[in-house]
Amino acid sequence: MKAIICPRYGSPDVLQLREVEKPSPLEDEVLIKIHAASLNSRDLRILRANPIIMRFMPGGLFRPKIK
């Protein structure tokens, strides 16, 4: 199957399209076939290792825990 791999942080140019082995689900798991996927601005911030902006985003890396 095809996968986009991010081997290191950087610009979108570091993303690589590769052929990888299809995963085998365990007994209590399912395998879902995806027809399309997209990247958004949040994905690009992660790719560029820009966590300061993400701290203030809902669901960011440093989001306060709800107890």
PDB file of N, CA and C in Angstrom:
ATOM      1  N   MET A   1       0.843  -1.166   0.000  1.00  0.00           N
ATOM      2  CA  MET A   1       0.000   0.000   0.000  1.00  0.00           C
ATOM      3  C   MET A   1       0.891   1.232   0.000  1.00  0.00           C
ATOM      4  N   LYS A   2       0.330   2.357  -0.376  1.00  0.00           N
ATOM      5  CA  LYS A   2       1.097   3.598  -0.423  1.00  0.00           C
ATOM      6  C   LYS A   2       0.930   4.349   0.893  1.00  0.00           C
ATOM      7  N   ALA A   3       2.000   5.039   1.306  1.00  0.00           N
ATOM      8  CA  ALA A   3       1.974   5.842   2.527  1.00  0.00           C
ATOM      9  C   ALA A   3       2.866   7.054   2.337  1.00  0.00           C
ATOM     10  N   ILE A   4       2.469   8.161   2.931  1.00  0.00           N
ATOM     11  CA  ILE A   4       3.321   9.342   2.940  1.00  0.00           C
ATOM     12  C   ILE A   4       4.090   9.305   4.251  1.00  0.00           C
ATOM     13  N   ILE A   5       5.408   9.302   4.153  1.00  0.00           N
ATOM     14  CA  ILE A   5       6.299   9.167   5.298  1.00  0.00           C
ATOM     15  C   ILE A   5       6.966  10.510   5.572  1.00  0.00           C
ATOM     16  N   CYS A   6       7.070  10.852   6.845  1.00  0.00           N
ATOM     17  CA  CYS A   6       7.762  12.068   7.271  1.00  0.00           C
ATOM     18  C   CYS A   6       9.012  11.641   8.045  1.00  0.00           C
ATOM     19  N   PRO A   7      10.163  11.514   7.374  1.00  0.00           N
ATOM     20  CA  PRO A   7      11.369  11.020   8.043  1.00  0.00           C
ATOM     21  C   PRO A   7      12.017  12.015   9.001  1.00  0.00           C
ATOM     22  N   ARG A   8      11.706  13.306   8.863  1.00  0.00           N
ATOM     23  CA  ARG A   8      12.284  14.335   9.738  1.00  0.00           C
ATOM     24  C   ARG A   8      11.412  15.584   9.675  1.00  0.00           C
ATOM     25  N   TYR A   9      11.631  16.500  10.613  1.00  0.00           N
ATOM     26  CA  TYR A   9      10.917  17.771  10.596  1.00  0.00           C
ATOM     27  C   TYR A   9      11.433  18.629   9.455  1.00  0.00           C
ATOM     28  N   GLY A  10      10.575  19.511   8.951  1.00  0.00           N
ATOM     29  CA  GLY A  10      11.000  20.414   7.892  1.00  0.00           C
ATOM     30  C   GLY A  10       9.822  20.899   7.078  1.00  0.00           C
ATOM     31  N   SER A  11      10.105  21.318   5.866  1.00  0.00           N
ATOM     32  CA  SER A  11       9.075  21.806   4.957  1.00  0.00           C
ATOM     33  C   SER A  11       8.330  20.607   4.360  1.00  0.00           C
ATOM     34  N   PRO A  12       7.245  20.858   3.646  1.00  0.00           N
ATOM     35  CA  PRO A  12       6.531  19.749   3.006  1.00  0.00           C
ATOM     36  C   PRO A  12       7.395  18.951   2.024  1.00  0.00           C
ATOM     37  N   ASP A  13       8.531  19.497   1.630  1.00  0.00           N
ATOM     38  CA  ASP A  13       9.431  18.784   0.713  1.00  0.00           C
ATOM     39  C   ASP A  13      10.030  17.526   1.334  1.00  0.00           C
ATOM     40  N   VAL A  14      10.037  17.413   2.678  1.00  0.00           N
ATOM     41  CA  VAL A  14      10.624  16.225   3.316  1.00  0.00           C
ATOM     42  C   VAL A  14       9.678  15.027   3.265  1.00  0.00           C
ATOM     43  N   LEU A  15       8.413  15.244   2.952  1.00  0.00           N
ATOM     44  CA  LEU A  15       7.453  14.141   2.864  1.00  0.00           C
ATOM     45  C   LEU A  15       7.799  13.247   1.679  1.00  0.00           C
ATOM     46  N   GLN A  16       7.687  11.937   1.883  1.00  0.00           N
ATOM     47  CA  GLN A  16       8.034  10.978   0.835  1.00  0.00           C
ATOM     48  C   GLN A  16       6.887   9.991   0.635  1.00  0.00           C
ATOM     49  N   LEU A  17       6.538   9.743  -0.613  1.00  0.00           N
ATOM     50  CA  LEU A  17       5.541   8.731  -0.943  1.00  0.00           C
ATOM     51  C   LEU A  17       6.270   7.406  -1.100  1.00  0.00           C
ATOM     52  N   ARG A  18       5.883   6.413  -0.281  1.00  0.00           N
ATOM     53  CA  ARG A  18       6.545   5.106  -0.310  1.00  0.00           C
ATOM     54  C   ARG A  18       5.518   3.989  -0.365  1.00  0.00           C
ATOM     55  N   GLU A  19       5.977   2.863  -0.831  1.00  0.00           N
ATOM     56  CA  GLU A  19       5.183   1.634  -0.804  1.00  0.00           C
ATOM     57  C   GLU A  19       5.558   0.906   0.484  1.00  0.00           C
ATOM     58  N   VAL A  20       4.572   0.631   1.336  1.00  0.00           N
ATOM     59  CA  VAL A  20       4.822  -0.055   2.608  1.00  0.00           C
ATOM     60  C   VAL A  20       3.949  -1.300   2.692  1.00  0.00           C
ATOM     61  N   GLU A  21       4.332  -2.195   3.580  1.00  0.00           N
ATOM     62  CA  GLU A  21       3.580  -3.428   3.766  1.00  0.00           C
ATOM     63  C   GLU A  21       2.228  -3.134   4.419  1.00  0.00           C
ATOM     64  N   LYS A  22       1.192  -3.774   3.935  1.00  0.00           N
ATOM     65  CA  LYS A  22      -0.147  -3.595   4.484  1.00  0.00           C
ATOM     66  C   LYS A  22      -0.196  -4.177   5.899  1.00  0.00           C
ATOM     67  N   PRO A  23      -0.677  -3.404   6.892  1.00  0.00           N
ATOM     68  CA  PRO A  23      -0.722  -3.921   8.260  1.00  0.00           C
ATOM     69  C   PRO A  23      -1.775  -5.013   8.417  1.00  0.00           C
ATOM     70  N   SER A  24      -1.522  -5.924   9.332  1.00  0.00           N
ATOM     71  CA  SER A  24      -2.478  -6.991   9.640  1.00  0.00           C
ATOM     72  C   SER A  24      -3.132  -6.679  10.979  1.00  0.00           C
ATOM     73  N   PRO A  25      -4.451  -6.491  11.000  1.00  0.00           N
ATOM     74  CA  PRO A  25      -5.111  -6.169  12.270  1.00  0.00           C
ATOM     75  C   PRO A  25      -5.113  -7.368  13.216  1.00  0.00           C
ATOM     76  N   LEU A  26      -5.064  -7.067  14.505  1.00  0.00           N
ATOM     77  CA  LEU A  26      -5.167  -8.111  15.521  1.00  0.00           C
ATOM     78  C   LEU A  26      -6.614  -8.556  15.638  1.00  0.00           C
ATOM     79  N   GLU A  27      -6.868  -9.513  16.500  1.00  0.00           N
ATOM     80  CA  GLU A  27      -8.204 -10.091  16.641  1.00  0.00           C
ATOM     81  C   GLU A  27      -9.262  -9.057  17.038  1.00  0.00           C
ATOM     82  N   ASP A  28      -8.884  -8.083  17.868  1.00  0.00           N
ATOM     83  CA  ASP A  28      -9.851  -7.085  18.338  1.00  0.00           C
ATOM     84  C   ASP A  28      -9.702  -5.744  17.616  1.00  0.00           C
ATOM     85  N   GLU A  29      -9.129  -5.736  16.421  1.00  0.00           N
ATOM     86  CA  GLU A  29      -8.923  -4.529  15.632  1.00  0.00           C
ATOM     87  C   GLU A  29      -9.563  -4.681  14.252  1.00  0.00           C
ATOM     88  N   VAL A  30      -9.716  -3.560  13.561  1.00  0.00           N
ATOM     89  CA  VAL A  30     -10.224  -3.572  12.188  1.00  0.00           C
ATOM     90  C   VAL A  30      -9.251  -2.794  11.303  1.00  0.00           C
ATOM     91  N   LEU A  31      -9.241  -3.104  10.035  1.00  0.00           N
ATOM     92  CA  LEU A  31      -8.440  -2.391   9.049  1.00  0.00           C
ATOM     93  C   LEU A  31      -9.405  -1.598   8.183  1.00  0.00           C
ATOM     94  N   ILE A  32      -9.190  -0.294   8.090  1.00  0.00           N
ATOM     95  CA  ILE A  32     -10.085   0.588   7.344  1.00  0.00           C
ATOM     96  C   ILE A  32      -9.388   1.046   6.071  1.00  0.00           C
ATOM     97  N   LYS A  33     -10.076   0.919   4.950  1.00  0.00           N
ATOM     98  CA  LYS A  33      -9.532   1.354   3.665  1.00  0.00           C
ATOM     99  C   LYS A  33      -9.813   2.849   3.497  1.00  0.00           C
ATOM    100  N   ILE A  34      -8.770   3.619   3.236  1.00  0.00           N
ATOM    101  CA  ILE A  34      -8.876   5.064   3.065  1.00  0.00           C
ATOM    102  C   ILE A  34      -8.726   5.385   1.579  1.00  0.00           C
ATOM    103  N   HIS A  35      -9.647   6.162   1.046  1.00  0.00           N
ATOM    104  CA  HIS A  35      -9.582   6.543  -0.370  1.00  0.00           C
ATOM    105  C   HIS A  35      -8.850   7.860  -0.575  1.00  0.00           C
ATOM    106  N   ALA A  36      -8.900   8.744   0.423  1.00  0.00           N
ATOM    107  CA  ALA A  36      -8.255  10.046   0.298  1.00  0.00           C
ATOM    108  C   ALA A  36      -7.947  10.592   1.685  1.00  0.00           C
ATOM    109  N   ALA A  37      -6.933  11.402   1.770  1.00  0.00           N
ATOM    110  CA  ALA A  37      -6.562  12.071   3.019  1.00  0.00           C
ATOM    111  C   ALA A  37      -6.030  13.452   2.658  1.00  0.00           C
ATOM    112  N   SER A  38      -6.026  14.346   3.623  1.00  0.00           N
ATOM    113  CA  SER A  38      -5.547  15.696   3.343  1.00  0.00           C
ATOM    114  C   SER A  38      -4.637  16.175   4.465  1.00  0.00           C
ATOM    115  N   LEU A  39      -3.872  17.190   4.164  1.00  0.00           N
ATOM    116  CA  LEU A  39      -3.059  17.876   5.158  1.00  0.00           C
ATOM    117  C   LEU A  39      -3.678  19.240   5.388  1.00  0.00           C
ATOM    118  N   ASN A  40      -3.634  19.706   6.629  1.00  0.00           N
ATOM    119  CA  ASN A  40      -4.138  21.043   6.917  1.00  0.00           C
ATOM    120  C   ASN A  40      -3.051  21.847   7.620  1.00  0.00           C
ATOM    121  N   SER A  41      -3.365  23.067   8.009  1.00  0.00           N
ATOM    122  CA  SER A  41      -2.355  23.945   8.600  1.00  0.00           C
ATOM    123  C   SER A  41      -1.792  23.373   9.896  1.00  0.00           C
ATOM    124  N   ARG A  42      -2.598  22.687  10.659  1.00  0.00           N
ATOM    125  CA  ARG A  42      -2.109  22.082  11.902  1.00  0.00           C
ATOM    126  C   ARG A  42      -1.066  20.992  11.596  1.00  0.00           C
ATOM    127  N   ASP A  43      -1.309  20.184  10.588  1.00  0.00           N
ATOM    128  CA  ASP A  43      -0.336  19.164  10.190  1.00  0.00           C
ATOM    129  C   ASP A  43       0.991  19.808   9.778  1.00  0.00           C
ATOM    130  N   LEU A  44       0.911  20.934   9.079  1.00  0.00           N
ATOM    131  CA  LEU A  44       2.131  21.619   8.652  1.00  0.00           C
ATOM    132  C   LEU A  44       2.895  22.176   9.843  1.00  0.00           C
ATOM    133  N   ARG A  45       2.179  22.646  10.876  1.00  0.00           N
ATOM    134  CA  ARG A  45       2.865  23.133  12.084  1.00  0.00           C
ATOM    135  C   ARG A  45       3.612  21.993  12.772  1.00  0.00           C
ATOM    136  N   ILE A  46       3.001  20.819  12.821  1.00  0.00           N
ATOM    137  CA  ILE A  46       3.668  19.654  13.407  1.00  0.00           C
ATOM    138  C   ILE A  46       4.881  19.278  12.559  1.00  0.00           C
ATOM    139  N   LEU A  47       4.720  19.280  11.243  1.00  0.00           N
ATOM    140  CA  LEU A  47       5.809  18.944  10.326  1.00  0.00           C
ATOM    141  C   LEU A  47       6.993  19.889  10.500  1.00  0.00           C
ATOM    142  N   ARG A  48       6.696  21.161  10.742  1.00  0.00           N
ATOM    143  CA  ARG A  48       7.761  22.159  10.899  1.00  0.00           C
ATOM    144  C   ARG A  48       8.274  22.246  12.336  1.00  0.00           C
ATOM    145  N   ALA A  49       7.741  21.419  13.239  1.00  0.00           N
ATOM    146  CA  ALA A  49       8.148  21.411  14.655  1.00  0.00           C
ATOM    147  C   ALA A  49       7.955  22.787  15.270  1.00  0.00           C
ATOM    148  N   ASN A  50       6.745  23.309  15.142  1.00  0.00           N
ATOM    149  CA  ASN A  50       6.417  24.635  15.645  1.00  0.00           C
ATOM    150  C   ASN A  50       5.432  24.502  16.811  1.00  0.00           C
ATOM    151  N   PRO A  51       5.868  23.959  17.965  1.00  0.00           N
ATOM    152  CA  PRO A  51       4.930  23.679  19.053  1.00  0.00           C
ATOM    153  C   PRO A  51       4.424  24.908  19.787  1.00  0.00           C
ATOM    154  N   ILE A  52       5.110  26.051  19.718  1.00  0.00           N
ATOM    155  CA  ILE A  52       4.658  27.233  20.454  1.00  0.00           C
ATOM    156  C   ILE A  52       3.276  27.650  19.983  1.00  0.00           C
ATOM    157  N   ILE A  53       3.037  27.648  18.699  1.00  0.00           N
ATOM    158  CA  ILE A  53       1.711  27.990  18.173  1.00  0.00           C
ATOM    159  C   ILE A  53       0.698  26.943  18.612  1.00  0.00           C
ATOM    160  N   MET A  54       1.103  25.682  18.627  1.00  0.00           N
ATOM    161  CA  MET A  54       0.175  24.603  18.963  1.00  0.00           C
ATOM    162  C   MET A  54      -0.271  24.641  20.419  1.00  0.00           C
ATOM    163  N   ARG A  55       0.500  25.236  21.309  1.00  0.00           N
ATOM    164  CA  ARG A  55       0.123  25.285  22.722  1.00  0.00           C
ATOM    165  C   ARG A  55      -1.215  25.976  22.925  1.00  0.00           C
ATOM    166  N   PHE A  56      -1.523  26.917  22.070  1.00  0.00           N
ATOM    167  CA  PHE A  56      -2.738  27.702  22.220  1.00  0.00           C
ATOM    168  C   PHE A  56      -3.895  27.190  21.375  1.00  0.00           C
ATOM    169  N   MET A  57      -3.674  26.118  20.643  1.00  0.00           N
ATOM    170  CA  MET A  57      -4.714  25.552  19.790  1.00  0.00           C
ATOM    171  C   MET A  57      -5.508  24.509  20.564  1.00  0.00           C
ATOM    172  N   PRO A  58      -6.810  24.402  20.318  1.00  0.00           N
ATOM    173  CA  PRO A  58      -7.578  23.325  20.958  1.00  0.00           C
ATOM    174  C   PRO A  58      -6.985  21.972  20.582  1.00  0.00           C
ATOM    175  N   GLY A  59      -6.712  21.145  21.581  1.00  0.00           N
ATOM    176  CA  GLY A  59      -6.135  19.836  21.312  1.00  0.00           C
ATOM    177  C   GLY A  59      -4.641  19.860  21.080  1.00  0.00           C
ATOM    178  N   GLY A  60      -3.987  20.999  21.342  1.00  0.00           N
ATOM    179  CA  GLY A  60      -2.552  21.112  21.125  1.00  0.00           C
ATOM    180  C   GLY A  60      -1.753  20.217  22.060  1.00  0.00           C
ATOM    181  N   LEU A  61      -0.457  20.150  21.840  1.00  0.00           N
ATOM    182  CA  LEU A  61       0.401  19.265  22.618  1.00  0.00           C
ATOM    183  C   LEU A  61       0.406  19.585  24.106  1.00  0.00           C
ATOM    184  N   PHE A  62       0.313  20.868  24.449  1.00  0.00           N
ATOM    185  CA  PHE A  62       0.419  21.269  25.842  1.00  0.00           C
ATOM    186  C   PHE A  62      -0.916  21.737  26.400  1.00  0.00           C
ATOM    187  N   ARG A  63      -1.980  21.194  25.891  1.00  0.00           N
ATOM    188  CA  ARG A  63      -3.319  21.550  26.344  1.00  0.00           C
ATOM    189  C   ARG A  63      -3.505  21.102  27.795  1.00  0.00           C
ATOM    190  N   PRO A  64      -4.102  21.946  28.648  1.00  0.00           N
ATOM    191  CA  PRO A  64      -4.350  21.541  30.038  1.00  0.00           C
ATOM    192  C   PRO A  64      -5.263  20.320  30.092  1.00  0.00           C
ATOM    193  N   LYS A  65      -4.992  19.441  31.018  1.00  0.00           N
ATOM    194  CA  LYS A  65      -5.808  18.236  31.185  1.00  0.00           C
ATOM    195  C   LYS A  65      -7.097  18.570  31.926  1.00  0.00           C
ATOM    196  N   ILE A  66      -8.202  18.011  31.483  1.00  0.00           N
ATOM    197  CA  ILE A  66      -9.499  18.195  32.133  1.00  0.00           C
ATOM    198  C   ILE A  66      -9.667  17.076  33.140  1.00  0.00           C
ATOM    199  N   LYS A  67      -9.921  17.446  34.404  1.00  0.00           N
ATOM    200  CA  LYS A  67     -10.067  16.428  35.460  1.00  0.00           C
ATOM    201  C   LYS A  67     -11.486  16.367  35.960  1.00  0.00           C
TER     202      LYS A  67
END
